[in-house]
Amino acid sequence: MNVAQALEHANALVFPEIVYCGGFSSMDAERQKNEEALATLREEFAKNDNPGFGYDVILDLADRNRELCDQMGIERLNNTRDSSLARGMSDQDLCAGVAALQKRKASTVMREVGGDRNNLGVAYVTKPIRGTVLGIDIETTDRYPDRGYIVNAGFELMELTADAEPYDAEAHFCGIPDLYAEKGVPLERIHHIGWADVAGKTPFRQDKKLQAKLLKLMKKYPYMAHNAAFEDSWFMLNIEGYAEARRAGKIVPVDTRDICRQLDPEVKTLPRESSPASLENWARRRGTLAKTEAEVHQGLDDTELMLRTVQAEFVARHCFKE
């Protein structure tokens, strides 16, 4: 599908009753077209400063696809891959994250790294870590952001010093379609967020005030997330203005999972199948989570755990010292 075809599909009038009456096969064919168009338009937007369309076209099509997936039964798509979730942060993004924490130019860090992300571990300790960061974590009903919903977001700020305490914490539960009152909240087994938590709450995509607040904070401070590619992918299809600010370099995600992989020497000695860079296992090694405790998997709790763990790692590697 080329850009013109993707735009034609995104802007076409859709009559749900016609799509739905064709059964699962008809709906799945429409879903595939939606997701192919979304991938084409996202790629064009990312590489072209003047793509010839506004990002609202992408957001609207993602909303349309979520509604379609609800009708299909999202559980039927569990084994169906999608391109809306990035597999990881790019080398350029990782370098920009280091630079933001050290108040340096991203180009300087990129030259130091020399195209080998294994050199990022050295870059992290080349200059002191300083400033303020926004920590954030979200819980969702699906892996892919063009199929599911954000049901919980937690965030807070923290100064990058050895003894700082997180502050200005906020936690928000967000609504999802009423059909899940009977079916249950998808992925509840992971995040333990049930219908009672989201009933009557404003859906994230409709909460313009929350979106605007997050966008303002993310433009002001680099934001930390554990596996930041996940949050970044979801924000691209859920926060108005995020994609434009991200492309312009006004928003800098910092992946704390990469910080763990680069700075914690134990990661390289532990078996990969033990998930040594997961937040829970990393926190246990740094002593910010007791061996008998488990990660909560809710926004604010996990944000606090992440910030305290990355702080402990920076202290252990002397990253705060001149």
Protein backbone atom coordinates (compact mmCIF):
# COMPACT_ATOMS: atom_id res chain seq x y z
CA MET A 1 0.00 0.00 0.00
CA ASN A 2 1.47 3.37 -1.01
CA VAL A 3 0.84 6.70 0.71
CA ALA A 4 -1.95 7.76 -1.65
CA GLN A 5 -3.77 4.45 -1.15
CA ALA A 6 -3.29 4.67 2.61
CA LEU A 7 -4.74 8.18 2.71
CA GLU A 8 -7.67 7.11 0.54
CA HIS A 9 -8.40 4.26 2.93
CA ALA A 10 -8.02 6.44 6.03
CA ASN A 11 -10.36 9.12 4.65
CA ALA A 12 -12.97 6.75 3.20
CA LEU A 13 -16.48 6.73 4.61
CA VAL A 14 -16.99 3.56 6.64
CA PHE A 15 -20.33 1.92 7.30
CA PRO A 16 -19.74 -0.38 10.28
CA GLU A 17 -22.95 -2.32 9.75
CA ILE A 18 -21.70 -3.43 6.33
CA VAL A 19 -18.27 -4.45 7.65
CA TYR A 20 -19.68 -6.20 10.71
CA CYS A 21 -22.41 -8.10 8.91
CA GLY A 22 -19.76 -9.90 6.87
CA GLY A 23 -18.59 -11.70 9.98
CA PHE A 24 -15.09 -12.20 11.32
CA SER A 25 -13.41 -12.63 7.91
CA SER A 26 -14.83 -9.34 6.64
CA MET A 27 -13.83 -7.51 9.80
CA ASP A 28 -10.35 -9.03 9.79
CA ALA A 29 -9.80 -7.97 6.19
CA GLU A 30 -10.73 -4.41 7.18
CA ARG A 31 -8.41 -4.58 10.18
CA GLN A 32 -5.52 -5.63 7.97
CA LYS A 33 -6.17 -2.69 5.65
CA ASN A 34 -6.34 -0.32 8.63
CA GLU A 35 -3.08 -1.52 10.06
CA GLU A 36 -1.29 -1.52 6.72
CA ALA A 37 -2.45 2.05 6.11
CA LEU A 38 -1.37 3.09 9.59
CA ALA A 39 2.11 1.64 9.06
CA THR A 40 2.46 3.41 5.69
CA LEU A 41 1.29 6.77 7.04
CA ARG A 42 3.44 6.58 10.19
CA GLU A 43 6.51 5.84 8.11
CA GLU A 44 5.80 8.73 5.75
CA PHE A 45 5.19 11.12 8.64
CA ALA A 46 8.43 10.13 10.37
CA LYS A 47 10.66 10.69 7.34
CA ASN A 48 8.94 13.70 5.75
CA ASP A 49 8.59 17.10 7.44
CA ASN A 50 5.81 17.93 4.98
CA PRO A 51 3.97 14.65 4.42
CA GLY A 52 0.90 16.26 2.89
CA PHE A 53 -1.47 15.19 5.68
CA GLY A 54 -1.98 15.98 9.35
CA TYR A 55 -1.22 13.47 12.07
CA ASP A 56 -4.88 13.58 13.10
CA VAL A 57 -5.54 11.27 10.13
CA ILE A 58 -3.38 8.63 11.82
CA LEU A 59 -4.96 9.12 15.24
CA ASP A 60 -8.48 8.87 13.81
CA LEU A 61 -7.66 5.68 11.89
CA ALA A 62 -6.13 4.13 15.03
CA ASP A 63 -9.33 4.97 16.94
CA ARG A 64 -11.36 3.34 14.17
CA ASN A 65 -9.21 0.22 14.31
CA ARG A 66 -9.64 -0.13 18.07
CA GLU A 67 -13.42 -0.05 17.70
CA LEU A 68 -13.22 -2.70 15.01
CA CYS A 69 -10.98 -4.93 17.17
CA ASP A 70 -13.47 -4.60 20.02
CA GLN A 71 -16.22 -5.95 17.79
CA MET A 72 -14.02 -8.76 16.47
CA GLY A 73 -13.02 -9.80 19.97
CA ILE A 74 -9.51 -8.61 20.79
CA GLU A 75 -8.67 -12.01 22.30
CA ARG A 76 -8.92 -13.54 18.82
CA LEU A 77 -5.93 -11.45 17.73
CA ASN A 78 -3.53 -12.58 20.47
CA ASN A 79 -1.24 -14.37 18.02
CA THR A 80 -1.53 -11.79 15.22
CA ARG A 81 1.49 -9.53 14.82
CA ASP A 82 1.28 -5.79 14.26
CA SER A 83 3.82 -3.09 13.43
CA SER A 84 2.42 -0.37 15.70
CA LEU A 85 4.69 -1.40 18.59
CA ALA A 86 8.37 -0.61 18.06
CA ARG A 87 10.75 -3.44 18.96
CA GLY A 88 13.15 -1.03 20.68
CA MET A 89 14.58 2.45 20.68
CA SER A 90 16.83 3.42 17.77
CA ASP A 91 20.55 4.06 18.30
CA GLN A 92 19.87 7.73 17.64
CA ASP A 93 17.19 7.80 20.36
CA LEU A 94 19.44 6.02 22.85
CA CYS A 95 22.23 8.53 22.24
CA ALA A 96 19.77 11.42 22.58
CA GLY A 97 18.68 9.96 25.93
CA VAL A 98 22.24 9.89 27.27
CA ALA A 99 22.81 13.44 26.03
CA ALA A 100 19.63 14.70 27.72
CA LEU A 101 20.74 13.27 31.08
CA GLN A 102 24.17 14.89 30.77
CA LYS A 103 23.08 18.21 29.23
CA ARG A 104 25.15 17.51 26.12
CA LYS A 105 24.47 17.52 22.40
CA ALA A 106 23.16 14.27 21.00
CA SER A 107 25.58 14.57 18.09
CA THR A 108 28.51 14.57 20.53
CA VAL A 109 27.33 11.34 22.14
CA MET A 110 26.73 9.77 18.74
CA ARG A 111 30.30 10.54 17.73
CA GLU A 112 31.59 8.97 20.95
CA VAL A 113 29.50 5.85 20.44
CA GLY A 114 30.64 5.57 16.83
CA GLY A 115 27.72 3.49 15.64
CA ASP A 116 28.20 0.75 18.27
CA ARG A 117 25.53 0.82 20.95
CA ASN A 118 27.78 -1.31 23.17
CA ASN A 119 29.78 1.90 23.70
CA LEU A 120 26.81 3.57 25.37
CA GLY A 121 27.93 2.15 28.70
CA VAL A 122 31.06 4.30 28.47
CA ALA A 123 29.05 7.33 27.35
CA TYR A 124 26.86 7.12 30.46
CA VAL A 125 29.88 7.60 32.74
CA THR A 126 31.79 10.10 30.58
CA LYS A 127 29.97 13.12 32.05
CA PRO A 128 27.89 13.58 35.22
CA ILE A 129 24.18 12.78 35.16
CA ARG A 130 22.15 15.80 36.25
CA GLY A 131 18.88 17.68 35.87
CA THR A 132 15.27 16.59 36.34
CA VAL A 133 13.41 13.70 34.73
CA LEU A 134 9.80 12.69 34.36
CA GLY A 135 9.22 9.05 35.21
CA ILE A 136 6.18 7.40 33.64
CA ASP A 137 4.55 3.99 33.26
CA ILE A 138 1.30 2.96 31.60
CA GLU A 139 -0.86 -0.16 31.74
CA THR A 140 -2.84 -1.19 28.69
CA THR A 141 -5.42 -3.69 27.46
CA ASP A 142 -3.28 -4.96 24.62
CA ARG A 143 0.29 -5.14 23.45
CA TYR A 144 -0.39 -3.09 20.33
CA PRO A 145 -1.44 0.58 20.56
CA ASP A 146 -3.74 0.55 17.53
CA ARG A 147 -5.80 -2.28 19.04
CA GLY A 148 -6.12 -1.55 22.76
CA TYR A 149 -6.52 1.16 25.38
CA ILE A 150 -4.49 2.83 28.11
CA VAL A 151 -6.23 2.00 31.39
CA ASN A 152 -3.71 3.40 33.86
CA ALA A 153 -0.97 6.02 33.82
CA GLY A 154 1.35 6.97 36.66
CA PHE A 155 4.01 9.64 36.57
CA GLU A 156 6.20 11.79 38.81
CA LEU A 157 9.30 13.98 38.71
CA MET A 158 12.70 13.40 40.28
CA GLU A 159 15.96 15.34 40.45
CA LEU A 160 18.97 13.37 39.29
CA THR A 161 20.94 13.31 42.53
CA ALA A 162 22.01 10.52 44.87
CA ASP A 163 19.51 11.38 47.62
CA ALA A 164 16.56 12.81 45.68
CA GLU A 165 12.98 11.78 46.38
CA PRO A 166 10.34 11.59 43.62
CA TYR A 167 7.70 14.31 43.82
CA ASP A 168 4.47 15.59 42.22
CA ALA A 169 3.16 12.06 41.75
CA GLU A 170 -0.07 11.43 39.84
CA ALA A 171 -2.01 8.27 39.05
CA HIS A 172 -4.92 8.09 36.61
CA PHE A 173 -7.31 5.28 35.68
CA CYS A 174 -8.90 5.58 32.25
CA GLY A 175 -12.13 4.21 30.86
CA ILE A 176 -12.69 1.66 28.11
CA PRO A 177 -15.82 0.66 26.11
CA ASP A 178 -18.79 -0.65 28.09
CA LEU A 179 -18.66 -4.06 26.42
CA TYR A 180 -15.74 -4.90 28.74
CA ALA A 181 -17.99 -4.58 31.77
CA GLU A 182 -19.18 -8.09 30.92
CA LYS A 183 -16.08 -9.46 29.21
CA GLY A 184 -13.63 -8.14 31.79
CA VAL A 185 -10.65 -5.83 31.32
CA PRO A 186 -8.12 -7.43 28.95
CA LEU A 187 -4.74 -8.30 30.52
CA GLU A 188 -6.24 -7.99 34.01
CA ARG A 189 -4.15 -11.02 34.99
CA ILE A 190 -1.03 -8.85 34.56
CA HIS A 191 -2.01 -5.40 35.85
CA HIS A 192 -4.88 -6.46 38.15
CA ILE A 193 -7.01 -3.57 36.92
CA GLY A 194 -10.65 -4.60 36.91
CA TRP A 195 -13.85 -3.06 35.67
CA ALA A 196 -14.46 -1.34 39.02
CA ASP A 197 -11.22 0.62 38.51
CA VAL A 198 -12.16 1.99 35.08
CA ALA A 199 -15.98 2.16 35.22
CA GLY A 200 -17.18 5.71 34.63
CA LYS A 201 -13.67 7.01 33.97
CA THR A 202 -12.85 9.16 30.93
CA PRO A 203 -11.03 7.17 28.23
CA PHE A 204 -7.44 8.32 27.75
CA ARG A 205 -8.03 9.34 24.12
CA GLN A 206 -10.89 11.60 25.22
CA ASP A 207 -9.07 13.07 28.22
CA LYS A 208 -7.63 16.15 26.52
CA LYS A 209 -6.60 17.68 29.85
CA LEU A 210 -4.49 14.67 30.82
CA GLN A 211 -2.95 14.48 27.35
CA ALA A 212 -2.05 18.19 27.44
CA LYS A 213 -0.48 17.88 30.88
CA LEU A 214 1.66 14.94 29.86
CA LEU A 215 2.70 16.63 26.62
CA LYS A 216 3.74 19.76 28.51
CA LEU A 217 5.79 17.76 31.02
CA MET A 218 7.46 15.65 28.33
CA LYS A 219 8.46 18.76 26.40
CA LYS A 220 10.00 20.23 29.56
CA TYR A 221 11.82 17.16 30.90
CA PRO A 222 13.27 13.99 29.37
CA TYR A 223 10.98 11.15 30.35
CA MET A 224 12.12 7.79 31.69
CA ALA A 225 10.28 4.54 31.06
CA HIS A 226 11.38 0.93 31.40
CA ASN A 227 11.36 -0.31 27.80
CA ALA A 228 10.60 3.21 26.58
CA ALA A 229 9.78 1.92 23.09
CA PHE A 230 6.50 0.66 24.56
CA GLU A 231 5.41 4.00 26.03
CA ASP A 232 6.70 5.87 22.98
CA SER A 233 4.67 3.66 20.62
CA TRP A 234 1.50 4.08 22.68
CA PHE A 235 1.90 7.84 23.05
CA MET A 236 2.38 8.15 19.28
CA LEU A 237 -1.17 6.83 18.78
CA ASN A 238 -2.83 8.32 21.87
CA ILE A 239 -1.53 11.81 22.70
CA GLU A 240 -2.40 14.68 20.39
CA GLY A 241 0.72 16.66 19.51
CA TYR A 242 3.14 13.99 20.70
CA ALA A 243 4.23 12.75 17.28
CA GLU A 244 4.89 16.28 16.02
CA ALA A 245 6.92 17.19 19.11
CA ARG A 246 8.80 13.90 18.99
CA ARG A 247 9.78 14.37 15.36
CA ALA A 248 10.95 17.93 16.13
CA GLY A 249 13.21 16.66 18.92
CA LYS A 250 11.21 18.41 21.64
CA ILE A 251 10.50 15.12 23.43
CA VAL A 252 13.30 12.78 24.52
CA PRO A 253 12.46 9.30 25.89
CA VAL A 254 15.09 7.64 28.08
CA ASP A 255 14.99 3.87 28.21
CA THR A 256 15.89 2.66 31.71
CA ARG A 257 16.01 -0.92 30.46
CA ASP A 258 18.93 0.14 28.28
CA ILE A 259 20.52 1.88 31.28
CA CYS A 260 20.31 -1.45 33.11
CA ARG A 261 21.83 -3.33 30.17
CA GLN A 262 24.64 -0.81 29.73
CA LEU A 263 25.62 -0.14 33.34
CA ASP A 264 24.75 -3.20 35.44
CA PRO A 265 27.67 -5.62 35.01
CA GLU A 266 25.57 -8.54 36.26
CA VAL A 267 23.29 -8.40 33.21
CA LYS A 268 25.99 -9.86 30.98
CA THR A 269 26.69 -12.78 33.33
CA LEU A 270 23.09 -13.86 33.92
CA PRO A 271 21.24 -16.19 31.51
CA ARG A 272 19.08 -14.36 29.02
CA GLU A 273 16.05 -16.50 29.83
CA SER A 274 16.12 -15.15 33.39
CA SER A 275 15.18 -11.67 32.06
CA PRO A 276 18.01 -9.90 33.90
CA ALA A 277 17.02 -6.46 32.55
CA SER A 278 13.38 -6.67 33.63
CA LEU A 279 12.47 -3.97 36.15
CA GLU A 280 11.60 -6.53 38.82
CA ASN A 281 14.90 -8.44 38.58
CA TRP A 282 16.99 -5.29 38.25
CA ALA A 283 15.31 -3.75 41.30
CA ARG A 284 16.01 -6.85 43.36
CA ARG A 285 19.71 -6.69 42.47
CA ARG A 286 19.88 -2.98 43.39
CA GLY A 287 18.00 -3.54 46.63
CA THR A 288 15.02 -1.33 45.77
CA LEU A 289 12.69 -4.34 45.80
CA ALA A 290 12.86 -7.09 48.40
CA LYS A 291 13.45 -10.63 47.13
CA THR A 292 10.05 -11.61 48.52
CA GLU A 293 8.26 -8.75 46.73
CA ALA A 294 6.98 -8.57 43.15
CA GLU A 295 6.56 -5.72 40.71
CA VAL A 296 3.05 -4.28 41.09
CA HIS A 297 2.45 -3.66 37.35
CA GLN A 298 0.53 -0.46 37.91
CA GLY A 299 1.61 2.94 36.66
CA LEU A 300 2.66 4.94 39.70
CA ASP A 301 4.04 1.99 41.69
CA ASP A 302 6.23 0.89 38.79
CA THR A 303 7.31 4.47 38.05
CA GLU A 304 8.50 4.92 41.63
CA LEU A 305 10.30 1.58 41.57
CA MET A 306 11.97 2.46 38.26
CA LEU A 307 13.18 5.89 39.43
CA ARG A 308 14.60 4.54 42.67
CA THR A 309 16.30 1.67 40.86
CA VAL A 310 17.93 3.83 38.20
CA GLN A 311 19.03 6.20 40.95
CA ALA A 312 20.64 3.28 42.81
CA GLU A 313 22.39 2.17 39.60
CA PHE A 314 23.73 5.67 38.97
CA VAL A 315 25.02 5.82 42.55
CA ALA A 316 26.73 2.43 42.18
CA ARG A 317 28.45 3.56 38.94
CA HIS A 318 29.37 7.04 40.33
CA CYS A 319 27.36 8.73 37.58
CA PHE A 320 26.42 11.73 39.72
CA LYS A 321 29.98 12.79 40.55
CA GLU A 322 32.00 15.44 38.70
